[in-house]
């Protein structure tokens, strides 16, 4: 995975996070997770999950929580 691709995924996750930042945290995390699940390809999700596992540099707090939530959901399925 190129560094540019990862930067783009982090940017997009943070933009989605900003769109839901006005909601209560639990609702926002759920909405962000749902958006990622619905619109991101499995390859993109795998890359952002790996990035989170490596520390998640650059992801804002809501995006980190949403990615972690989706990762747990995906692993338990």
N, C-alpha and C. Protein backbone atom coordinates (compact mmCIF):
# COMPACT_ATOMS: atom_id res chain seq x y z
N UNK A 1 0.86 -1.17 0.00
CA UNK A 1 0.00 0.00 0.00
C UNK A 1 0.90 1.23 0.00
N UNK A 2 0.59 2.17 -0.84
CA UNK A 2 1.40 3.37 -0.91
C UNK A 2 1.03 4.32 0.23
N UNK A 3 1.99 5.12 0.61
CA UNK A 3 1.75 6.09 1.69
C UNK A 3 0.66 7.08 1.28
N UNK A 4 0.63 7.44 0.00
CA UNK A 4 -0.39 8.36 -0.49
C UNK A 4 -1.79 7.79 -0.36
N UNK A 5 -1.93 6.50 -0.63
CA UNK A 5 -3.23 5.84 -0.50
C UNK A 5 -3.68 5.85 0.95
N UNK A 6 -2.78 5.53 1.85
CA UNK A 6 -3.11 5.53 3.27
C UNK A 6 -3.50 6.93 3.74
N UNK A 7 -2.74 7.93 3.31
CA UNK A 7 -3.07 9.31 3.67
C UNK A 7 -4.48 9.66 3.20
N UNK A 8 -4.82 9.19 2.01
CA UNK A 8 -6.15 9.47 1.45
C UNK A 8 -7.24 8.77 2.26
N UNK A 9 -7.01 7.54 2.68
CA UNK A 9 -8.00 6.83 3.49
C UNK A 9 -8.19 7.51 4.84
N UNK A 10 -7.09 7.94 5.45
CA UNK A 10 -7.19 8.66 6.73
C UNK A 10 -7.97 9.96 6.54
N UNK A 11 -7.66 10.67 5.47
CA UNK A 11 -8.37 11.92 5.17
C UNK A 11 -9.87 11.66 5.01
N UNK A 12 -10.21 10.64 4.24
CA UNK A 12 -11.63 10.35 4.00
C UNK A 12 -12.34 9.92 5.29
N UNK A 13 -11.70 9.10 6.10
CA UNK A 13 -12.30 8.69 7.37
C UNK A 13 -12.54 9.90 8.27
N UNK A 14 -11.59 10.81 8.30
CA UNK A 14 -11.75 12.01 9.12
C UNK A 14 -12.86 12.92 8.57
N UNK A 15 -12.99 12.99 7.27
CA UNK A 15 -14.08 13.80 6.67
C UNK A 15 -15.44 13.21 7.04
N UNK A 16 -15.56 11.90 6.99
CA UNK A 16 -16.81 11.24 7.38
C UNK A 16 -17.08 11.52 8.85
N UNK A 17 -16.04 11.43 9.65
CA UNK A 17 -16.16 11.70 11.08
C UNK A 17 -16.68 13.12 11.34
N UNK A 18 -16.15 14.07 10.61
CA UNK A 18 -16.58 15.47 10.78
C UNK A 18 -18.06 15.64 10.44
N UNK A 19 -18.55 14.86 9.49
CA UNK A 19 -19.95 14.97 9.08
C UNK A 19 -20.89 14.54 10.20
N UNK A 20 -20.42 13.67 11.09
CA UNK A 20 -21.26 13.16 12.17
C UNK A 20 -20.86 13.70 13.54
N UNK A 21 -19.92 14.62 13.58
CA UNK A 21 -19.38 15.13 14.84
C UNK A 21 -20.43 15.84 15.69
N UNK A 22 -21.50 16.31 15.08
CA UNK A 22 -22.55 17.03 15.83
C UNK A 22 -23.45 16.07 16.61
N UNK A 23 -23.40 14.78 16.27
CA UNK A 23 -24.22 13.77 16.96
C UNK A 23 -23.57 13.37 18.28
N UNK A 24 -24.35 12.81 19.20
CA UNK A 24 -23.74 12.23 20.41
C UNK A 24 -22.72 11.17 19.99
N UNK A 25 -21.68 10.99 20.78
CA UNK A 25 -20.55 10.14 20.39
C UNK A 25 -20.97 8.74 19.97
N UNK A 26 -21.80 8.07 20.76
CA UNK A 26 -22.19 6.70 20.42
C UNK A 26 -22.90 6.63 19.06
N UNK A 27 -23.78 7.59 18.83
CA UNK A 27 -24.49 7.62 17.55
C UNK A 27 -23.53 7.92 16.41
N UNK A 28 -22.63 8.88 16.63
CA UNK A 28 -21.66 9.25 15.59
C UNK A 28 -20.78 8.07 15.22
N UNK A 29 -20.28 7.35 16.22
CA UNK A 29 -19.42 6.19 15.96
C UNK A 29 -20.19 5.16 15.14
N UNK A 30 -21.43 4.91 15.49
CA UNK A 30 -22.25 3.97 14.74
C UNK A 30 -22.49 4.41 13.30
N UNK A 31 -22.78 5.69 13.12
CA UNK A 31 -23.03 6.21 11.77
C UNK A 31 -21.78 6.16 10.91
N UNK A 32 -20.65 6.51 11.50
CA UNK A 32 -19.39 6.46 10.75
C UNK A 32 -19.07 5.01 10.36
N UNK A 33 -19.21 4.11 11.32
CA UNK A 33 -18.98 2.68 11.04
C UNK A 33 -19.89 2.18 9.93
N UNK A 34 -21.16 2.54 10.01
CA UNK A 34 -22.11 2.12 8.97
C UNK A 34 -21.72 2.67 7.61
N UNK A 35 -21.30 3.91 7.57
CA UNK A 35 -20.90 4.52 6.30
C UNK A 35 -19.70 3.77 5.71
N UNK A 36 -18.70 3.50 6.54
CA UNK A 36 -17.52 2.77 6.05
C UNK A 36 -17.91 1.39 5.54
N UNK A 37 -18.74 0.71 6.30
CA UNK A 37 -19.18 -0.64 5.93
C UNK A 37 -19.93 -0.63 4.60
N UNK A 38 -20.75 0.38 4.42
CA UNK A 38 -21.61 0.45 3.24
C UNK A 38 -20.88 0.88 1.98
N UNK A 39 -19.93 1.81 2.12
CA UNK A 39 -19.35 2.45 0.94
C UNK A 39 -17.88 2.14 0.66
N UNK A 40 -17.17 1.59 1.63
CA UNK A 40 -15.76 1.30 1.40
C UNK A 40 -15.59 -0.15 0.95
N UNK A 41 -14.67 -0.36 0.01
CA UNK A 41 -14.35 -1.69 -0.46
C UNK A 41 -13.60 -2.45 0.64
N UNK A 42 -13.66 -3.77 0.58
CA UNK A 42 -12.96 -4.60 1.58
C UNK A 42 -11.47 -4.27 1.63
N UNK A 43 -10.90 -3.99 0.49
CA UNK A 43 -9.47 -3.65 0.42
C UNK A 43 -9.18 -2.37 1.21
N UNK A 44 -10.06 -1.39 1.08
CA UNK A 44 -9.89 -0.12 1.81
C UNK A 44 -10.02 -0.36 3.31
N UNK A 45 -11.01 -1.16 3.69
CA UNK A 45 -11.21 -1.46 5.10
C UNK A 45 -10.00 -2.20 5.67
N UNK A 46 -9.48 -3.15 4.93
CA UNK A 46 -8.30 -3.89 5.39
C UNK A 46 -7.12 -2.95 5.62
N UNK A 47 -6.97 -1.98 4.76
CA UNK A 47 -5.87 -1.02 4.89
C UNK A 47 -6.05 -0.12 6.11
N UNK A 48 -7.27 0.36 6.35
CA UNK A 48 -7.50 1.24 7.49
C UNK A 48 -7.44 0.45 8.79
N UNK A 49 -7.87 -0.82 8.77
CA UNK A 49 -7.74 -1.66 9.96
C UNK A 49 -6.26 -1.88 10.30
N UNK A 50 -5.45 -2.16 9.30
CA UNK A 50 -4.01 -2.35 9.52
C UNK A 50 -3.39 -1.07 10.06
N UNK A 51 -3.83 0.06 9.54
CA UNK A 51 -3.32 1.35 10.01
C UNK A 51 -3.70 1.57 11.48
N UNK A 52 -4.93 1.23 11.82
CA UNK A 52 -5.36 1.35 13.22
C UNK A 52 -4.52 0.45 14.11
N UNK A 53 -4.27 -0.77 13.67
CA UNK A 53 -3.44 -1.71 14.43
C UNK A 53 -2.03 -1.18 14.65
N UNK A 54 -1.57 -0.35 13.73
CA UNK A 54 -0.23 0.24 13.83
C UNK A 54 -0.24 1.55 14.61
N UNK A 55 -1.37 1.92 15.18
CA UNK A 55 -1.45 3.13 15.98
C UNK A 55 -2.47 4.15 15.50
N UNK A 56 -2.83 4.07 14.24
CA UNK A 56 -3.87 4.96 13.71
C UNK A 56 -3.48 6.42 13.61
N UNK A 57 -2.20 6.69 13.39
CA UNK A 57 -1.75 8.08 13.28
C UNK A 57 -2.59 8.86 12.27
N UNK A 58 -3.01 10.05 12.69
CA UNK A 58 -3.75 10.94 11.81
C UNK A 58 -5.25 10.80 11.89
N UNK A 59 -5.74 9.68 12.39
CA UNK A 59 -7.19 9.51 12.54
C UNK A 59 -7.68 10.32 13.74
N UNK A 60 -8.77 11.06 13.55
CA UNK A 60 -9.31 11.77 14.70
C UNK A 60 -10.00 10.78 15.64
N UNK A 61 -10.34 11.23 16.83
CA UNK A 61 -10.85 10.33 17.88
C UNK A 61 -12.09 9.56 17.45
N UNK A 62 -13.06 10.24 16.83
CA UNK A 62 -14.29 9.57 16.40
C UNK A 62 -14.00 8.55 15.30
N UNK A 63 -13.16 8.93 14.37
CA UNK A 63 -12.82 8.01 13.28
C UNK A 63 -12.12 6.77 13.84
N UNK A 64 -11.21 6.95 14.80
CA UNK A 64 -10.52 5.81 15.42
C UNK A 64 -11.52 4.87 16.08
N UNK A 65 -12.44 5.44 16.83
CA UNK A 65 -13.44 4.62 17.53
C UNK A 65 -14.32 3.89 16.54
N UNK A 66 -14.71 4.56 15.46
CA UNK A 66 -15.57 3.94 14.46
C UNK A 66 -14.85 2.82 13.72
N UNK A 67 -13.60 3.05 13.35
CA UNK A 67 -12.83 2.02 12.66
C UNK A 67 -12.63 0.82 13.59
N UNK A 68 -12.32 1.08 14.86
CA UNK A 68 -12.14 -0.01 15.82
C UNK A 68 -13.43 -0.80 16.00
N UNK A 69 -14.55 -0.09 16.07
CA UNK A 69 -15.84 -0.75 16.22
C UNK A 69 -16.15 -1.64 15.02
N UNK A 70 -15.92 -1.11 13.84
CA UNK A 70 -16.17 -1.89 12.62
C UNK A 70 -15.21 -3.07 12.52
N UNK A 71 -13.98 -2.87 12.94
CA UNK A 71 -13.00 -3.95 12.91
C UNK A 71 -13.45 -5.09 13.84
N UNK A 72 -13.90 -4.75 15.03
CA UNK A 72 -14.39 -5.78 15.96
C UNK A 72 -15.60 -6.51 15.36
N UNK A 73 -16.51 -5.75 14.77
CA UNK A 73 -17.71 -6.34 14.15
C UNK A 73 -17.32 -7.28 13.02
N UNK A 74 -16.39 -6.87 12.21
CA UNK A 74 -15.95 -7.66 11.06
C UNK A 74 -15.24 -8.93 11.51
N UNK A 75 -14.45 -8.84 12.56
CA UNK A 75 -13.71 -10.00 13.04
C UNK A 75 -14.61 -11.02 13.72
N UNK A 76 -15.71 -10.55 14.31
CA UNK A 76 -16.61 -11.47 15.01
C UNK A 76 -17.65 -12.10 14.08
N UNK A 77 -17.72 -11.59 12.86
CA UNK A 77 -18.71 -12.11 11.90
C UNK A 77 -18.26 -13.39 11.26
